[in-house]
Structures are given as C-alpha cells and as structure tokens.
N, C-alpha and C. Protein backbone atom coordinates (compact mmCIF):
# COMPACT_ATOMS: atom_id res chain seq x y z
N UNK A 1 0.82 -1.18 0.00
CA UNK A 1 0.00 0.00 0.00
C UNK A 1 0.87 1.25 0.00
N UNK A 2 1.93 1.21 0.79
CA UNK A 2 2.81 2.37 0.86
C UNK A 2 3.49 2.61 -0.49
N UNK A 3 3.82 1.51 -1.21
CA UNK A 3 4.42 1.65 -2.52
C UNK A 3 3.48 2.35 -3.49
N UNK A 4 2.19 2.04 -3.42
CA UNK A 4 1.23 2.66 -4.32
C UNK A 4 1.13 4.15 -4.04
N UNK A 5 1.08 4.53 -2.75
CA UNK A 5 1.00 5.95 -2.41
C UNK A 5 2.27 6.68 -2.81
N UNK A 6 3.42 6.02 -2.64
CA UNK A 6 4.69 6.65 -3.00
C UNK A 6 4.74 6.91 -4.51
N UNK A 7 4.20 6.01 -5.31
CA UNK A 7 4.25 6.17 -6.77
C UNK A 7 3.27 7.23 -7.25
N UNK A 8 2.18 7.42 -6.54
CA UNK A 8 1.16 8.38 -6.98
C UNK A 8 1.52 9.80 -6.58
N UNK A 9 2.48 9.96 -5.69
CA UNK A 9 2.87 11.30 -5.27
C UNK A 9 3.57 11.99 -6.42
N UNK A 10 3.09 13.17 -6.80
CA UNK A 10 3.73 13.86 -7.94
C UNK A 10 5.13 14.33 -7.56
N UNK A 11 6.00 14.36 -8.56
CA UNK A 11 7.36 14.83 -8.35
C UNK A 11 7.35 16.35 -8.19
N UNK A 12 8.17 16.82 -7.29
CA UNK A 12 8.32 18.26 -7.10
C UNK A 12 9.62 18.70 -7.74
N UNK A 13 9.78 20.00 -7.91
CA UNK A 13 11.01 20.54 -8.50
C UNK A 13 12.20 20.07 -7.68
N UNK A 14 13.20 19.56 -8.35
CA UNK A 14 14.40 19.09 -7.68
C UNK A 14 14.36 17.61 -7.33
N UNK A 15 13.17 16.99 -7.40
CA UNK A 15 13.08 15.55 -7.14
C UNK A 15 13.70 14.78 -8.29
N UNK A 16 14.33 13.68 -7.98
CA UNK A 16 14.91 12.82 -9.00
C UNK A 16 13.93 11.65 -9.20
N UNK A 17 13.46 11.45 -10.45
CA UNK A 17 12.53 10.34 -10.66
C UNK A 17 13.21 9.01 -10.37
N UNK A 18 12.48 8.04 -9.86
CA UNK A 18 13.08 6.73 -9.56
C UNK A 18 13.51 6.04 -10.85
N UNK A 19 14.56 5.23 -10.73
CA UNK A 19 15.04 4.47 -11.89
C UNK A 19 14.04 3.36 -12.21
N UNK A 20 13.78 3.18 -13.48
CA UNK A 20 12.94 2.06 -13.89
C UNK A 20 13.79 0.79 -13.93
N UNK A 21 13.12 -0.35 -14.01
CA UNK A 21 13.85 -1.61 -14.14
C UNK A 21 14.76 -1.57 -15.36
N UNK A 22 14.25 -1.00 -16.45
CA UNK A 22 15.04 -0.93 -17.68
C UNK A 22 16.29 -0.10 -17.48
N UNK A 23 16.19 1.02 -16.76
CA UNK A 23 17.37 1.84 -16.52
C UNK A 23 18.44 1.06 -15.77
N UNK A 24 18.01 0.26 -14.81
CA UNK A 24 18.95 -0.54 -14.02
C UNK A 24 19.60 -1.60 -14.90
N UNK A 25 18.79 -2.29 -15.68
CA UNK A 25 19.31 -3.36 -16.55
C UNK A 25 20.22 -2.79 -17.63
N UNK A 26 19.81 -1.71 -18.26
CA UNK A 26 20.58 -1.14 -19.36
C UNK A 26 21.95 -0.63 -18.90
N UNK A 27 22.06 -0.23 -17.63
CA UNK A 27 23.33 0.27 -17.11
C UNK A 27 24.24 -0.86 -16.63
N UNK A 28 23.74 -2.07 -16.56
CA UNK A 28 24.49 -3.22 -16.05
C UNK A 28 25.51 -3.70 -17.09
N UNK A 29 26.77 -3.83 -16.68
CA UNK A 29 27.82 -4.30 -17.60
C UNK A 29 27.58 -5.73 -18.07
N UNK A 30 27.01 -6.58 -17.20
CA UNK A 30 26.72 -7.96 -17.61
C UNK A 30 25.67 -7.97 -18.73
N UNK A 31 24.69 -7.08 -18.66
CA UNK A 31 23.68 -6.98 -19.71
C UNK A 31 24.32 -6.54 -21.02
N UNK A 32 25.20 -5.56 -20.93
CA UNK A 32 25.90 -5.09 -22.14
C UNK A 32 26.74 -6.22 -22.75
N UNK A 33 27.40 -7.01 -21.88
CA UNK A 33 28.18 -8.16 -22.36
C UNK A 33 27.27 -9.19 -23.02
N UNK A 34 26.10 -9.43 -22.43
CA UNK A 34 25.14 -10.37 -23.01
C UNK A 34 24.70 -9.92 -24.40
N UNK A 35 24.34 -8.66 -24.51
CA UNK A 35 23.88 -8.15 -25.82
C UNK A 35 25.01 -8.21 -26.86
N UNK A 36 26.23 -7.90 -26.44
CA UNK A 36 27.37 -7.96 -27.37
C UNK A 36 27.65 -9.39 -27.81
N UNK A 37 27.58 -10.34 -26.86
CA UNK A 37 27.82 -11.75 -27.19
C UNK A 37 26.75 -12.27 -28.15
N UNK A 38 25.50 -11.93 -27.90
CA UNK A 38 24.43 -12.36 -28.79
C UNK A 38 24.60 -11.75 -30.18
N UNK A 39 24.94 -10.48 -30.24
CA UNK A 39 25.12 -9.82 -31.53
C UNK A 39 26.27 -10.46 -32.31
N UNK A 40 27.37 -10.74 -31.61
CA UNK A 40 28.51 -11.39 -32.30
C UNK A 40 28.09 -12.72 -32.89
N UNK A 41 27.41 -13.54 -32.10
CA UNK A 41 27.02 -14.86 -32.59
C UNK A 41 26.05 -14.73 -33.77
N UNK A 42 25.05 -13.89 -33.61
CA UNK A 42 24.01 -13.77 -34.64
C UNK A 42 24.58 -13.23 -35.94
N UNK A 43 25.45 -12.23 -35.86
CA UNK A 43 26.02 -11.66 -37.08
C UNK A 43 26.89 -12.69 -37.79
N UNK A 44 27.77 -13.35 -37.05
CA UNK A 44 28.66 -14.35 -37.66
C UNK A 44 27.84 -15.51 -38.25
N UNK A 45 26.88 -16.02 -37.49
CA UNK A 45 26.06 -17.14 -37.98
C UNK A 45 25.26 -16.74 -39.21
N UNK A 46 24.72 -15.55 -39.20
CA UNK A 46 23.92 -15.08 -40.35
C UNK A 46 24.79 -14.91 -41.59
N UNK A 47 25.96 -14.31 -41.42
CA UNK A 47 26.86 -14.15 -42.57
C UNK A 47 27.30 -15.50 -43.13
N UNK A 48 27.61 -16.43 -42.24
CA UNK A 48 27.98 -17.77 -42.70
C UNK A 48 26.83 -18.43 -43.44
N UNK A 49 25.62 -18.38 -42.86
CA UNK A 49 24.46 -19.02 -43.48
C UNK A 49 24.17 -18.43 -44.85
N UNK A 50 24.14 -17.12 -44.95
CA UNK A 50 23.81 -16.47 -46.22
C UNK A 50 24.89 -16.77 -47.26
N UNK A 51 26.16 -16.74 -46.86
CA UNK A 51 27.25 -17.06 -47.80
C UNK A 51 27.14 -18.49 -48.29
N UNK A 52 26.91 -19.41 -47.37
CA UNK A 52 26.80 -20.83 -47.75
C UNK A 52 25.59 -21.06 -48.63
N UNK A 53 24.47 -20.43 -48.27
CA UNK A 53 23.23 -20.62 -49.02
C UNK A 53 23.37 -20.10 -50.46
N UNK A 54 23.94 -18.92 -50.62
CA UNK A 54 24.06 -18.35 -51.96
C UNK A 54 25.25 -18.88 -52.74
N UNK A 55 26.13 -19.64 -52.10
CA UNK A 55 27.25 -20.23 -52.82
C UNK A 55 26.76 -21.23 -53.87
N UNK A 56 25.67 -21.94 -53.59
CA UNK A 56 25.16 -22.93 -54.55
C UNK A 56 24.74 -22.28 -55.86
N UNK A 57 23.83 -21.32 -55.88
CA UNK A 57 23.46 -20.73 -57.17
C UNK A 57 24.62 -19.99 -57.85
N UNK A 58 25.50 -19.39 -57.05
CA UNK A 58 26.65 -18.70 -57.64
C UNK A 58 27.57 -19.71 -58.32
N UNK A 59 27.86 -20.81 -57.63
CA UNK A 59 28.74 -21.82 -58.23
C UNK A 59 28.09 -22.50 -59.44
N UNK A 60 26.79 -22.74 -59.37
CA UNK A 60 26.11 -23.34 -60.52
C UNK A 60 26.15 -22.38 -61.71
N UNK A 61 26.06 -21.09 -61.43
CA UNK A 61 26.11 -20.10 -62.51
C UNK A 61 27.49 -19.87 -63.08
N UNK A 62 28.50 -19.80 -62.20
CA UNK A 62 29.84 -19.45 -62.65
C UNK A 62 30.78 -20.65 -62.84
N UNK A 63 30.46 -21.80 -62.30
CA UNK A 63 31.30 -22.99 -62.46
C UNK A 63 30.43 -24.20 -62.75
N UNK A 64 29.65 -24.15 -63.84
CA UNK A 64 28.70 -25.23 -64.11
C UNK A 64 29.39 -26.59 -64.37
N UNK A 65 30.55 -26.59 -65.01
CA UNK A 65 31.23 -27.85 -65.28
C UNK A 65 31.68 -28.50 -63.97
N UNK A 66 32.20 -27.69 -63.05
CA UNK A 66 32.63 -28.22 -61.76
C UNK A 66 31.44 -28.78 -60.98
N UNK A 67 30.34 -28.04 -60.92
CA UNK A 67 29.17 -28.46 -60.16
C UNK A 67 28.50 -29.69 -60.79
N UNK A 68 28.70 -29.88 -62.10
CA UNK A 68 28.11 -31.03 -62.79
C UNK A 68 28.99 -32.28 -62.70
N UNK A 69 30.13 -32.18 -62.03
CA UNK A 69 31.03 -33.32 -61.90
C UNK A 69 30.35 -34.45 -61.14
N UNK A 70 30.22 -35.63 -61.78
CA UNK A 70 29.58 -36.77 -61.08
C UNK A 70 30.44 -37.24 -59.90
N UNK A 71 29.78 -37.61 -58.82
CA UNK A 71 30.47 -38.10 -57.64
C UNK A 71 30.14 -39.58 -57.44
N UNK A 72 28.84 -39.90 -57.38
CA UNK A 72 28.39 -41.27 -57.24
C UNK A 72 27.27 -41.47 -58.24
N UNK A 73 27.55 -42.15 -59.32
CA UNK A 73 26.53 -42.35 -60.35
C UNK A 73 26.03 -41.02 -60.89
N UNK A 74 24.71 -40.82 -60.91
CA UNK A 74 24.17 -39.57 -61.45
C UNK A 74 24.21 -38.40 -60.44
N UNK A 75 24.63 -38.67 -59.22
CA UNK A 75 24.69 -37.62 -58.19
C UNK A 75 25.96 -36.80 -58.41
N UNK A 76 25.76 -35.50 -58.61
CA UNK A 76 26.91 -34.63 -58.86
C UNK A 76 27.18 -33.72 -57.66
N UNK A 77 28.19 -32.89 -57.79
CA UNK A 77 28.60 -32.00 -56.70
C UNK A 77 27.47 -31.04 -56.33
N UNK A 78 26.73 -30.55 -57.31
CA UNK A 78 25.64 -29.61 -57.02
C UNK A 78 24.59 -30.27 -56.13
N UNK A 79 24.22 -31.50 -56.40
CA UNK A 79 23.25 -32.19 -55.55
C UNK A 79 23.80 -32.38 -54.13
N UNK A 80 25.05 -32.77 -54.02
CA UNK A 80 25.65 -32.95 -52.70
C UNK A 80 25.73 -31.63 -51.94
N UNK A 81 26.05 -30.57 -52.67
CA UNK A 81 26.12 -29.26 -52.03
C UNK A 81 24.74 -28.84 -51.53
N UNK A 82 23.71 -29.07 -52.35
CA UNK A 82 22.34 -28.74 -51.95
C UNK A 82 21.94 -29.56 -50.72
N UNK A 83 22.28 -30.82 -50.70
CA UNK A 83 21.97 -31.66 -49.54
C UNK A 83 22.74 -31.20 -48.30
N UNK A 84 23.96 -30.76 -48.51
CA UNK A 84 24.78 -30.32 -47.37
C UNK A 84 24.18 -29.10 -46.68
N UNK A 85 23.35 -28.36 -47.39
CA UNK A 85 22.74 -27.18 -46.76
C UNK A 85 21.79 -27.56 -45.62
N UNK A 86 21.17 -28.72 -45.73
CA UNK A 86 20.33 -29.19 -44.62
C UNK A 86 21.20 -29.44 -43.38
N UNK A 87 22.31 -30.12 -43.59
CA UNK A 87 23.21 -30.43 -42.48
C UNK A 87 23.81 -29.16 -41.89
N UNK A 88 24.12 -28.20 -42.76
CA UNK A 88 24.66 -26.94 -42.29
C UNK A 88 23.62 -26.22 -41.42
N UNK A 89 22.36 -26.20 -41.83
CA UNK A 89 21.31 -25.55 -41.05
C UNK A 89 21.12 -26.26 -39.70
N UNK A 90 21.15 -27.58 -39.71
CA UNK A 90 21.03 -28.34 -38.46
C UNK A 90 22.22 -28.05 -37.55
N UNK A 91 23.39 -27.96 -38.15
CA UNK A 91 24.60 -27.65 -37.37
C UNK A 91 24.52 -26.27 -36.74
N UNK A 92 24.04 -25.30 -37.50
CA UNK A 92 23.87 -23.95 -36.94
C UNK A 92 22.84 -23.96 -35.81
N UNK A 93 21.76 -24.71 -35.99
CA UNK A 93 20.74 -24.80 -34.93
C UNK A 93 21.34 -25.42 -33.67
N UNK A 94 22.15 -26.45 -33.83
CA UNK A 94 22.80 -27.10 -32.69
C UNK A 94 23.75 -26.13 -31.99
N UNK A 95 24.53 -25.38 -32.79
CA UNK A 95 25.43 -24.38 -32.19
C UNK A 95 24.65 -23.32 -31.43
N UNK A 96 23.53 -22.90 -32.00
CA UNK A 96 22.72 -21.88 -31.33
C UNK A 96 22.17 -22.41 -30.00
N UNK A 97 21.75 -23.66 -29.98
CA UNK A 97 21.26 -24.24 -28.72
C UNK A 97 22.34 -24.21 -27.65
N UNK A 98 23.54 -24.52 -28.03
CA UNK A 98 24.65 -24.48 -27.07
C UNK A 98 24.91 -23.06 -26.59
N UNK A 99 24.94 -22.12 -27.52
CA UNK A 99 25.18 -20.72 -27.15
C UNK A 99 24.03 -20.16 -26.35
N UNK A 100 22.81 -20.57 -26.66
CA UNK A 100 21.64 -20.06 -25.94
C UNK A 100 21.71 -20.44 -24.46
N UNK A 101 22.26 -21.61 -24.16
CA UNK A 101 22.42 -22.01 -22.76
C UNK A 101 23.37 -21.03 -22.04
N UNK A 102 24.42 -20.61 -22.72
CA UNK A 102 25.34 -19.63 -22.14
C UNK A 102 24.65 -18.27 -22.00
N UNK A 103 23.86 -17.90 -23.01
CA UNK A 103 23.13 -16.63 -22.94
C UNK A 103 22.14 -16.65 -21.77
N UNK A 104 21.50 -17.80 -21.54
CA UNK A 104 20.55 -17.91 -20.43
C UNK A 104 21.24 -17.72 -19.09
N UNK A 105 22.44 -18.28 -18.94
CA UNK A 105 23.18 -18.10 -17.69
C UNK A 105 23.53 -16.62 -17.49
N UNK A 106 23.93 -15.97 -18.57
CA UNK A 106 24.25 -14.54 -18.47
C UNK A 106 23.00 -13.74 -18.11
N UNK A 107 21.87 -14.10 -18.70
CA UNK A 107 20.62 -13.40 -18.41
C UNK A 107 20.19 -13.60 -16.96
N UNK A 108 20.42 -14.79 -16.41
CA UNK A 108 20.10 -15.03 -15.00
C UNK A 108 20.92 -14.12 -14.10
N UNK A 109 22.17 -13.89 -14.45
CA UNK A 109 23.01 -12.97 -13.67
C UNK A 109 22.46 -11.55 -13.73
N UNK A 110 21.98 -11.15 -14.90
CA UNK A 110 21.40 -9.82 -15.04
C UNK A 110 20.15 -9.69 -14.18
N UNK A 111 19.31 -10.72 -14.19
CA UNK A 111 18.10 -10.70 -13.37
C UNK A 111 18.42 -10.67 -11.87
N UNK A 112 19.46 -11.41 -11.48
CA UNK A 112 19.87 -11.37 -10.07
C UNK A 112 20.33 -9.96 -9.68
N UNK A 113 21.05 -9.32 -10.57
CA UNK A 113 21.50 -7.95 -10.31
C UNK A 113 20.29 -7.02 -10.19
N UNK A 114 19.31 -7.18 -11.06
CA UNK A 114 18.12 -6.34 -10.99
C UNK A 114 17.39 -6.55 -9.67
N UNK A 115 17.22 -7.81 -9.27
CA UNK A 115 16.53 -8.08 -8.01
C UNK A 115 17.30 -7.48 -6.83
N UNK A 116 18.62 -7.58 -6.86
CA UNK A 116 19.42 -7.00 -5.78
C UNK A 116 19.25 -5.49 -5.72
N UNK A 117 19.20 -4.86 -6.88
CA UNK A 117 19.00 -3.40 -6.92
C UNK A 117 17.61 -3.02 -6.41
N UNK A 118 16.63 -3.83 -6.74
CA UNK A 118 15.27 -3.56 -6.27
C UNK A 118 15.18 -3.70 -4.76
N UNK A 119 15.88 -4.67 -4.20
CA UNK A 119 15.90 -4.85 -2.74
C UNK A 119 16.56 -3.63 -2.10
N UNK A 120 17.68 -3.17 -2.68
CA UNK A 120 18.36 -2.00 -2.13
C UNK A 120 17.47 -0.75 -2.18
N UNK A 121 16.64 -0.63 -3.22
CA UNK A 121 15.73 0.51 -3.33
C UNK A 121 14.52 0.36 -2.44
N UNK A 122 14.26 -0.88 -1.99
CA UNK A 122 13.07 -1.13 -1.19
C UNK A 122 11.83 -1.38 -2.02
N UNK A 123 12.00 -1.71 -3.32
CA UNK A 123 10.86 -1.96 -4.22
C UNK A 123 10.35 -3.38 -4.14
N UNK A 124 11.14 -4.28 -3.57
CA UNK A 124 10.78 -5.69 -3.63
C UNK A 124 11.37 -6.40 -2.43
N UNK A 125 10.82 -7.55 -2.15
CA UNK A 125 11.36 -8.37 -1.08
C UNK A 125 12.54 -9.19 -1.57
N UNK A 126 12.87 -9.11 -2.84
CA UNK A 126 13.98 -9.88 -3.38
C UNK A 126 13.47 -11.05 -4.19
N UNK A 127 14.37 -11.90 -4.63
CA UNK A 127 13.99 -13.05 -5.46
C UNK A 127 13.06 -13.99 -4.71
N UNK A 128 12.10 -14.53 -5.42
CA UNK A 128 11.14 -15.46 -4.81
C UNK A 128 11.38 -16.86 -5.29
C-alpha cells in the first residue's frame, strides 16, 4: 500500500525520478556483455548461413562444369552441395542451442542484479 501511495505522489522541482527496471538493466555491464555476445554470434552465424546458401546458385552459374562433376553415379557436386545445406542448417541450430544455454546463464546474472537493486531501493522483497 505504501508503494502505491509513493508512486502516486507527484514529483516536485528538484526531485529525482526513480530508476525504472530498464534503466537498471541497461546500465548493467553484464547486460551489455550479453547483448554484445548475442550480436557477435548472430552476425557471424547469419553471414555464414547467407554465404553458404548463396554459394550454390553462384557456383552453378559461374562454375557449371565443376558443379556437374559426377560423384556417385548420377549424383553430382551440385546435388551434394544442396543436400549439405540441410546439415549446415542443423549444425547452426545445434550451435545456437549451445550458445543459448550460455546466454541464459548470463541473463540469469542480469536478473539477479536487478533483483538485488530492487531490494536496495526497497521496491521488492527480493527473489522469490
């Protein structure tokens, strides 16, 4: 009840507005590290995926004799390359699952920091 009354009280000149949860999280170095790590992984994975994906039509267009080279009977390099794209996508998904577990641990640290800050401000009883 006291929290509700405290929030409804208008700010007076010279009062400093309370920090929002977002302000606390955005200022946290662990949060910044999490966002940087996610961006690094996503950018690298996306560039690799797009390069690998478009390599097939580029190679078929610019090196048709090479891509038409038979490997096993009527199966040529182009077919194997196209099939390999499924495995590449599965591999990227597997890598992301592994990285996501690390991202989750980093996010838990950020949430712990937020809860600790809320306890210090008196906004919460802490983690439940």
